[in-house]
N, C-alpha and C. Protein backbone atom coordinates (compact mmCIF):
# COMPACT_ATOMS: atom_id res chain seq x y z
N UNK A 1 0.77 -1.44 0.09
CA UNK A 1 0.40 -0.21 -0.21
C UNK A 1 0.71 1.08 -0.41
N UNK A 2 0.69 2.01 -0.83
CA UNK A 2 1.36 3.52 -0.85
C UNK A 2 0.50 4.47 -0.72
N UNK A 3 1.22 5.58 0.42
CA UNK A 3 0.25 6.92 1.15
C UNK A 3 0.98 8.07 0.48
N UNK A 4 0.40 9.03 0.35
CA UNK A 4 1.40 10.55 -0.06
C UNK A 4 0.33 11.40 1.01
N UNK A 5 0.86 12.21 1.76
CA UNK A 5 0.09 13.37 1.94
C UNK A 5 1.05 14.38 1.74
N UNK A 6 -0.17 15.79 1.27
CA UNK A 6 0.74 17.34 0.84
C UNK A 6 -0.42 17.90 1.46
N UNK A 7 -0.23 19.16 1.85
CA UNK A 7 -0.79 20.09 2.36
C UNK A 7 -0.05 21.50 1.36
N UNK A 8 -1.57 21.69 0.60
CA UNK A 8 -0.96 23.17 -0.59
C UNK A 8 -1.40 24.61 0.18
N UNK A 9 -1.58 25.41 0.23
CA UNK A 9 -2.29 26.17 -0.44
C UNK A 9 -2.76 27.17 -1.63
N UNK A 10 -4.73 27.38 -1.85
CA UNK A 10 -4.66 28.39 -2.69
C UNK A 10 -4.11 29.16 -2.72
N UNK A 11 -4.12 30.26 -4.04
CA UNK A 11 -4.48 31.69 -3.76
C UNK A 11 -5.91 32.07 -3.63
N UNK A 12 -6.06 32.96 -3.42
CA UNK A 12 -7.19 33.70 -2.91
C UNK A 12 -7.76 34.03 -4.39
N UNK A 13 -9.02 34.53 -4.05
CA UNK A 13 -10.10 34.29 -5.53
C UNK A 13 -11.41 34.93 -4.45
N UNK A 14 -12.01 35.09 -5.75
CA UNK A 14 -13.29 36.06 -5.89
C UNK A 14 -13.88 34.99 -5.15
N UNK A 15 -15.85 35.54 -4.75
CA UNK A 15 -16.86 35.09 -3.97
C UNK A 15 -16.45 34.04 -5.45
N UNK A 16 -17.49 32.72 -5.11
CA UNK A 16 -17.64 31.77 -6.38
C UNK A 16 -17.66 30.36 -6.92
N UNK A 17 -17.32 29.90 -7.98
CA UNK A 17 -16.88 28.98 -7.93
C UNK A 17 -15.77 28.56 -8.68
N UNK A 18 -14.89 28.11 -9.22
CA UNK A 18 -13.11 27.69 -9.36
C UNK A 18 -13.75 26.53 -9.13
N UNK A 19 -13.07 26.01 -10.36
CA UNK A 19 -12.32 24.64 -10.78
C UNK A 19 -10.26 25.12 -10.47
N UNK A 20 -10.28 24.27 -9.51
CA UNK A 20 -9.01 24.28 -9.07
C UNK A 20 -8.55 22.73 -9.27
N UNK A 21 -9.29 21.57 -10.07
CA UNK A 21 -8.99 20.28 -10.80
C UNK A 21 -6.66 20.86 -11.02
N UNK A 22 -6.43 21.60 -12.22
CA UNK A 22 -5.33 21.26 -12.33
C UNK A 22 -4.39 21.92 -11.46
N UNK A 23 -4.36 22.22 -10.47
CA UNK A 23 -3.96 22.99 -8.85
C UNK A 23 -3.82 22.05 -8.79
N UNK A 24 -4.81 21.15 -7.99
CA UNK A 24 -4.05 19.97 -7.42
C UNK A 24 -2.92 18.71 -7.88
N UNK A 25 -4.13 17.83 -9.26
CA UNK A 25 -2.79 17.46 -10.19
C UNK A 25 -1.46 17.84 -10.79
N UNK A 26 -1.05 19.54 -10.89
CA UNK A 26 -0.02 20.01 -10.06
C UNK A 26 1.22 19.64 -9.21
N UNK A 27 0.06 19.84 -8.19
CA UNK A 27 0.08 19.29 -7.02
C UNK A 27 1.03 18.18 -6.44
N UNK A 28 0.20 17.20 -6.44
CA UNK A 28 0.92 15.57 -6.23
C UNK A 28 0.94 14.91 -7.51
N UNK A 29 1.63 13.61 -7.43
CA UNK A 29 2.18 12.82 -8.13
C UNK A 29 1.74 11.32 -7.60
N UNK A 30 0.16 10.50 -8.95
CA UNK A 30 -0.53 10.07 -8.37
C UNK A 30 0.22 8.93 -9.51
N UNK A 31 1.33 8.75 -10.05
CA UNK A 31 2.16 8.11 -11.75
C UNK A 31 2.04 6.65 -10.23
N UNK A 32 3.11 6.96 -9.77
CA UNK A 32 2.87 5.22 -8.91
C UNK A 32 1.30 4.36 -8.46
N UNK A 33 0.77 4.79 -7.87
CA UNK A 33 -0.94 4.17 -7.51
C UNK A 33 -2.01 3.34 -8.53
N UNK A 34 -1.30 2.19 -8.79
CA UNK A 34 -2.14 1.76 -10.38
C UNK A 34 -4.07 1.83 -9.44
N UNK A 35 -4.41 1.47 -8.51
CA UNK A 35 -5.47 1.52 -8.00
C UNK A 35 -5.94 2.47 -6.37
N UNK A 36 -6.24 3.52 -6.44
CA UNK A 36 -6.75 3.74 -4.98
C UNK A 36 -7.75 5.14 -5.18
N UNK A 37 -7.77 5.92 -4.24
CA UNK A 37 -8.30 6.94 -4.13
C UNK A 37 -7.61 8.66 -3.72
N UNK A 38 -8.08 9.47 -4.31
CA UNK A 38 -7.49 11.28 -3.26
C UNK A 38 -8.57 11.36 -2.74
N UNK A 39 -7.90 11.11 -1.68
CA UNK A 39 -9.05 12.18 -0.02
C UNK A 39 -8.44 14.16 -0.13
N UNK A 40 -9.38 14.38 -0.80
CA UNK A 40 -9.47 16.48 -0.60
C UNK A 40 -10.28 16.69 0.50
N UNK A 41 -9.06 17.22 0.75
CA UNK A 41 -9.89 18.15 2.50
C UNK A 41 -9.57 19.43 3.32
N UNK A 42 -10.69 20.51 2.97
CA UNK A 42 -10.08 22.12 2.46
C UNK A 42 -10.58 22.11 4.01
N UNK A 43 -9.36 22.77 5.16
CA UNK A 43 -9.25 23.47 6.33
C UNK A 43 -10.12 24.23 6.63
N UNK A 44 -11.23 24.45 5.67
CA UNK A 44 -12.03 26.05 6.60
C UNK A 44 -13.67 25.59 6.17
N UNK A 45 -14.18 26.23 7.47
CA UNK A 45 -15.65 26.98 7.31
C UNK A 45 -16.51 27.56 6.41
N UNK A 46 -16.06 28.59 5.49
CA UNK A 46 -16.21 29.66 5.28
C UNK A 46 -16.05 28.98 3.36
N UNK A 47 -15.23 27.85 2.64
CA UNK A 47 -15.68 27.73 1.32
C UNK A 47 -15.80 26.33 1.52
N UNK A 48 -16.00 25.54 0.26
CA UNK A 48 -16.43 24.21 -0.12
C UNK A 48 -15.94 23.58 -1.41
N UNK A 49 -16.07 22.03 -1.76
CA UNK A 49 -15.52 21.36 -2.80
C UNK A 49 -16.56 20.94 -3.14
N UNK A 50 -16.75 20.35 -4.26
CA UNK A 50 -17.57 19.61 -5.20
C UNK A 50 -16.98 19.67 -6.11
N UNK A 51 -17.43 18.64 -7.47
CA UNK A 51 -17.18 18.26 -8.34
C UNK A 51 -18.78 18.49 -9.55
N UNK A 52 -18.12 19.29 -10.21
CA UNK A 52 -19.14 19.92 -11.09
C UNK A 52 -18.57 19.65 -12.34
N UNK A 53 -19.54 20.02 -13.71
CA UNK A 53 -19.23 20.81 -15.28
C UNK A 53 -17.89 20.74 -15.06
N UNK A 54 -17.31 21.49 -15.91
CA UNK A 54 -15.93 21.55 -16.28
C UNK A 54 -15.57 22.94 -17.53
N UNK A 55 -16.97 22.43 -17.93
CA UNK A 55 -16.74 23.32 -19.35
C UNK A 55 -17.13 24.81 -19.67
N UNK A 56 -18.71 24.29 -18.90
CA UNK A 56 -19.13 26.11 -19.49
C UNK A 56 -19.27 26.81 -18.09
N UNK A 57 -19.13 28.11 -19.14
CA UNK A 57 -18.34 29.18 -17.40
C UNK A 57 -19.89 28.76 -16.97
N UNK A 58 -20.93 29.32 -17.40
CA UNK A 58 -22.53 29.87 -16.77
C UNK A 58 -22.85 29.11 -16.05
N UNK A 59 -22.35 27.65 -16.10
CA UNK A 59 -23.38 26.42 -14.57
C UNK A 59 -22.38 26.87 -13.03
N UNK A 60 -20.33 27.88 -13.72
CA UNK A 60 -19.86 28.46 -12.18
C UNK A 60 -21.25 29.78 -11.27
N UNK A 61 -21.78 30.79 -12.75
CA UNK A 61 -22.15 31.27 -11.96
C UNK A 61 -23.38 31.25 -11.85
N UNK A 62 -24.18 29.72 -12.46
CA UNK A 62 -25.55 29.68 -11.70
C UNK A 62 -24.81 29.21 -10.56
N UNK A 63 -24.01 27.74 -10.47
CA UNK A 63 -24.39 27.76 -8.51
C UNK A 63 -24.39 28.34 -7.94
N UNK A 64 -23.61 29.72 -7.77
CA UNK A 64 -22.94 30.82 -6.83
C UNK A 64 -24.57 31.34 -6.70
N UNK A 65 -25.60 31.93 -8.29
CA UNK A 65 -26.82 32.46 -8.23
C UNK A 65 -27.52 31.81 -6.69
N UNK A 66 -28.04 30.36 -7.11
CA UNK A 66 -28.13 29.23 -6.65
C UNK A 66 -28.33 29.44 -4.56
N UNK A 67 -26.56 29.13 -5.26
CA UNK A 67 -26.31 28.83 -3.19
C UNK A 67 -26.35 30.47 -2.73
N UNK A 68 -26.36 31.29 -3.31
CA UNK A 68 -26.44 32.62 -2.73
C UNK A 68 -28.64 33.12 -2.54
N UNK A 69 -28.84 32.87 -3.91
CA UNK A 69 -30.64 33.07 -3.10
C UNK A 69 -30.74 31.45 -1.74
N UNK A 70 -30.39 30.65 -1.46
CA UNK A 70 -30.71 29.55 -0.94
C UNK A 70 -30.18 30.35 0.36
N UNK A 71 -28.95 31.13 0.48
CA UNK A 71 -28.38 31.17 1.83
C UNK A 71 -27.74 32.54 2.87
N UNK A 72 -28.54 33.71 1.41
CA UNK A 72 -27.55 34.88 1.68
C UNK A 72 -29.01 35.51 2.46
N UNK A 73 -27.93 36.71 2.33
CA UNK A 73 -29.21 37.55 3.60
C UNK A 73 -30.27 37.33 4.34
N UNK A 74 -29.80 36.04 5.19
CA UNK A 74 -31.55 35.66 5.93
C UNK A 74 -30.99 36.59 8.08
N UNK A 75 -32.76 37.13 7.90
CA UNK A 75 -33.14 37.98 8.86
C UNK A 75 -32.85 37.11 9.78
N UNK A 76 -32.89 35.63 9.57
CA UNK A 76 -32.21 35.20 11.24
C UNK A 76 -31.35 34.78 11.21
N UNK A 77 -30.54 35.07 10.93
CA UNK A 77 -28.54 35.21 11.11
C UNK A 77 -28.22 36.07 11.53
N UNK A 78 -27.69 35.29 13.56
CA UNK A 78 -27.27 35.99 14.27
C UNK A 78 -25.54 36.23 13.84
N UNK A 79 -24.82 34.83 13.54
CA UNK A 79 -23.22 34.82 13.75
C UNK A 79 -23.12 36.13 11.91
N UNK A 80 -22.40 37.00 12.70
CA UNK A 80 -21.94 37.94 11.84
C UNK A 80 -20.36 38.48 13.18
N UNK A 81 -19.17 37.45 12.92
CA UNK A 81 -18.38 38.08 13.59
C UNK A 81 -17.43 38.35 12.86
N UNK A 82 -17.39 37.96 11.58
CA UNK A 82 -16.42 38.36 10.68
C UNK A 82 -16.34 39.17 9.36
N UNK A 83 -18.38 39.33 9.33
CA UNK A 83 -19.13 39.92 8.30
C UNK A 83 -20.16 39.74 8.47
N UNK A 84 -20.89 40.53 7.86
CA UNK A 84 -22.55 39.38 6.82
C UNK A 84 -22.84 38.76 6.13
N UNK A 85 -21.41 38.14 5.23
CA UNK A 85 -21.48 37.18 4.53
C UNK A 85 -20.75 36.32 5.61
N UNK A 86 -19.98 35.82 7.14
CA UNK A 86 -19.37 35.45 7.62
C UNK A 86 -20.99 33.70 7.75
N UNK A 87 -22.24 33.92 8.89
CA UNK A 87 -22.73 33.33 8.42
C UNK A 87 -23.41 31.93 7.66
N UNK A 88 -24.39 33.31 6.01
CA UNK A 88 -23.95 32.62 4.95
C UNK A 88 -22.80 31.47 3.97
N UNK A 89 -21.80 31.88 4.32
CA UNK A 89 -20.49 31.59 3.67
C UNK A 89 -20.93 29.80 4.71
N UNK A 90 -20.94 30.46 6.12
CA UNK A 90 -20.62 28.70 6.69
C UNK A 90 -21.60 27.68 6.32
N UNK A 91 -22.80 28.18 6.66
CA UNK A 91 -24.23 27.94 5.62
C UNK A 91 -23.85 27.10 3.89
N UNK A 92 -23.44 27.70 3.13
CA UNK A 92 -23.01 27.43 2.34
C UNK A 92 -21.59 26.30 2.17
N UNK A 93 -20.96 26.32 3.66
CA UNK A 93 -19.89 25.40 3.33
C UNK A 93 -20.82 24.37 4.21
N UNK A 94 -21.63 23.59 5.21
CA UNK A 94 -22.01 22.95 5.61
C UNK A 94 -22.03 21.84 4.22
N UNK A 95 -23.67 22.42 3.62
CA UNK A 95 -24.65 21.86 2.30
C UNK A 95 -23.31 21.83 1.39
N UNK A 96 -22.34 21.38 1.08
CA UNK A 96 -21.28 20.79 0.05
C UNK A 96 -20.14 20.28 0.45
N UNK A 97 -19.89 20.73 1.58
CA UNK A 97 -18.94 20.18 1.68
C UNK A 97 -17.79 20.93 2.02
N UNK A 98 -16.76 19.85 2.65
CA UNK A 98 -14.70 20.16 2.44
C UNK A 98 -14.37 19.16 2.21
N UNK A 99 -14.62 17.79 1.64
CA UNK A 99 -13.89 16.79 1.76
C UNK A 99 -14.48 15.99 0.14
N UNK A 100 -13.77 15.53 -0.07
CA UNK A 100 -13.91 14.55 -1.96
C UNK A 100 -13.24 13.15 -1.97
N UNK A 101 -14.28 12.22 -2.40
CA UNK A 101 -12.87 11.35 -1.91
C UNK A 101 -12.69 11.14 -4.10
N UNK A 102 -11.80 10.50 -4.47
CA UNK A 102 -12.18 10.67 -6.05
C UNK A 102 -11.24 9.19 -6.72
N UNK A 103 -11.63 8.14 -6.63
CA UNK A 103 -11.02 7.26 -7.34
C UNK A 103 -9.96 7.75 -8.48
N UNK A 104 -8.80 6.70 -7.61
CA UNK A 104 -6.83 6.82 -8.53
C UNK A 104 -7.72 5.58 -9.63
N UNK A 105 -6.74 5.92 -10.47
CA UNK A 105 -6.70 4.27 -11.49
C UNK A 105 -6.10 4.16 -12.38
N UNK A 106 -4.45 3.72 -12.51
CA UNK A 106 -3.35 4.07 -13.13
C UNK A 106 -3.01 4.63 -13.56
N UNK A 107 -2.83 5.71 -12.22
CA UNK A 107 -2.28 6.79 -12.15
C UNK A 107 -2.36 8.57 -12.41
N UNK A 108 -3.87 8.10 -12.68
CA UNK A 108 -4.66 9.37 -12.89
C UNK A 108 -6.28 9.82 -12.62
N UNK A 109 -6.99 10.66 -11.84
CA UNK A 109 -8.29 10.39 -11.40
C UNK A 109 -9.11 10.16 -12.44
N UNK A 110 -10.02 9.45 -11.82
CA UNK A 110 -10.88 8.71 -12.79
C UNK A 110 -12.42 9.49 -12.79
N UNK A 111 -12.16 10.68 -13.07
CA UNK A 111 -12.76 11.39 -12.84
C UNK A 111 -13.72 11.60 -14.61
N UNK A 112 -15.00 11.78 -14.55
CA UNK A 112 -16.19 11.54 -15.41
C UNK A 112 -15.20 13.17 -16.74
N UNK A 113 -15.98 12.59 -18.08
CA UNK A 113 -15.70 13.56 -18.89
C UNK A 113 -15.82 14.61 -18.64
N UNK A 114 -17.04 15.38 -17.97
CA UNK A 114 -17.55 17.20 -18.03
C UNK A 114 -16.93 17.33 -16.28
N UNK A 115 -16.48 16.37 -15.64
CA UNK A 115 -16.96 16.53 -13.76
C UNK A 115 -14.80 17.25 -14.05
N UNK A 116 -14.63 18.80 -12.96
CA UNK A 116 -13.99 19.31 -13.06
C UNK A 116 -13.68 19.42 -10.92
N UNK A 117 -13.12 19.78 -10.51
CA UNK A 117 -12.95 19.57 -9.21
C UNK A 117 -13.51 21.24 -8.78
N UNK A 118 -13.71 21.61 -7.69
CA UNK A 118 -14.88 22.95 -7.52
C UNK A 118 -14.71 23.47 -7.03
N UNK A 119 -13.18 24.71 -6.11
CA UNK A 119 -13.83 25.27 -5.11
C UNK A 119 -14.80 26.48 -4.91
N UNK A 120 -15.34 25.87 -3.86
CA UNK A 120 -16.48 27.23 -3.88
C UNK A 120 -15.99 28.41 -2.81
N UNK A 121 -15.89 29.26 -3.12
CA UNK A 121 -15.60 30.57 -1.99
C UNK A 121 -16.54 31.44 -2.33
N UNK A 122 -17.22 31.25 -0.43
CA UNK A 122 -18.03 31.85 -0.11
C UNK A 122 -17.76 33.59 0.75
N UNK A 123 -16.51 34.02 0.96
CA UNK A 123 -16.75 35.20 1.02
C UNK A 123 -16.45 36.23 0.44
N UNK A 124 -16.57 37.65 0.69
CA UNK A 124 -16.37 38.15 -0.33
C UNK A 124 -14.90 39.09 -0.58
N UNK A 125 -14.33 38.27 0.41
CA UNK A 125 -12.76 38.73 0.80
C UNK A 125 -11.82 37.70 1.65
N UNK A 126 -11.96 36.80 0.63
CA UNK A 126 -11.22 35.52 1.90
C UNK A 126 -9.76 35.38 1.67
N UNK A 127 -8.91 34.53 1.55
CA UNK A 127 -7.41 34.85 1.79
C UNK A 127 -7.35 33.65 0.73
N UNK A 128 -6.20 33.09 1.42
CA UNK A 128 -5.91 31.72 0.65
C UNK A 128 -6.86 30.54 1.18
N UNK A 129 -6.74 29.14 0.40
CA UNK A 129 -6.52 28.83 1.57
C UNK A 129 -6.21 26.87 1.42
N UNK A 130 -5.61 26.49 2.44
CA UNK A 130 -5.43 25.35 2.90
C UNK A 130 -6.09 23.98 2.30
N UNK A 131 -5.47 23.39 2.01
CA UNK A 131 -6.32 21.99 1.25
C UNK A 131 -5.95 20.82 1.21
N UNK A 132 -5.49 19.63 2.45
CA UNK A 132 -4.02 18.34 2.30
C UNK A 132 -5.61 16.63 1.02
N UNK A 133 -4.42 17.21 0.99
CA UNK A 133 -4.41 15.43 -0.32
C UNK A 133 -3.90 14.95 0.24
N UNK A 134 -4.23 13.96 0.70
CA UNK A 134 -3.78 12.29 0.97
C UNK A 134 -4.26 11.25 -0.54
N UNK A 135 -3.23 10.31 -0.78
CA UNK A 135 -3.25 10.09 -1.89
C UNK A 135 -3.04 8.42 -0.96
N UNK A 136 -3.77 7.52 -0.70
CA UNK A 136 -3.27 6.06 -0.87
C UNK A 136 -3.79 5.04 -2.21
N UNK A 137 -3.20 3.51 -2.39
CA UNK A 137 -3.45 2.86 -3.08
C UNK A 137 -2.38 1.44 -3.35
N UNK A 138 -2.60 0.92 -4.14
CA UNK A 138 -1.73 0.57 -4.16
C UNK A 138 -0.61 0.23 -5.82
């Protein structure tokens, strides 16, 4: 069994959904794993990870619009420690999650043709984001 674990920092991004597949692939060498799994863990409570359409830019803006409608400007939110977007960002993070598991097959992520790894940035002025990549397999 082979295990690889690294932590990377992503550059700050504006609020919205951003494809980070290439950054993940550049950060970790999976070539020696024939069959395995990559866990991607985001160490933040105001951003998220998901897998979605990697081709049409409109999907990313549609996702931002959907989650803004679901979570932004709710009169019952009381938690505003870091600003008005604080609690909405936590809610979006909880809905989407902060961890992904993706199969590794013959040294490559076994994603579908149109699938990409998304970082959902839910804060207006967020800093860099830390991600732990853990690959295991044979």
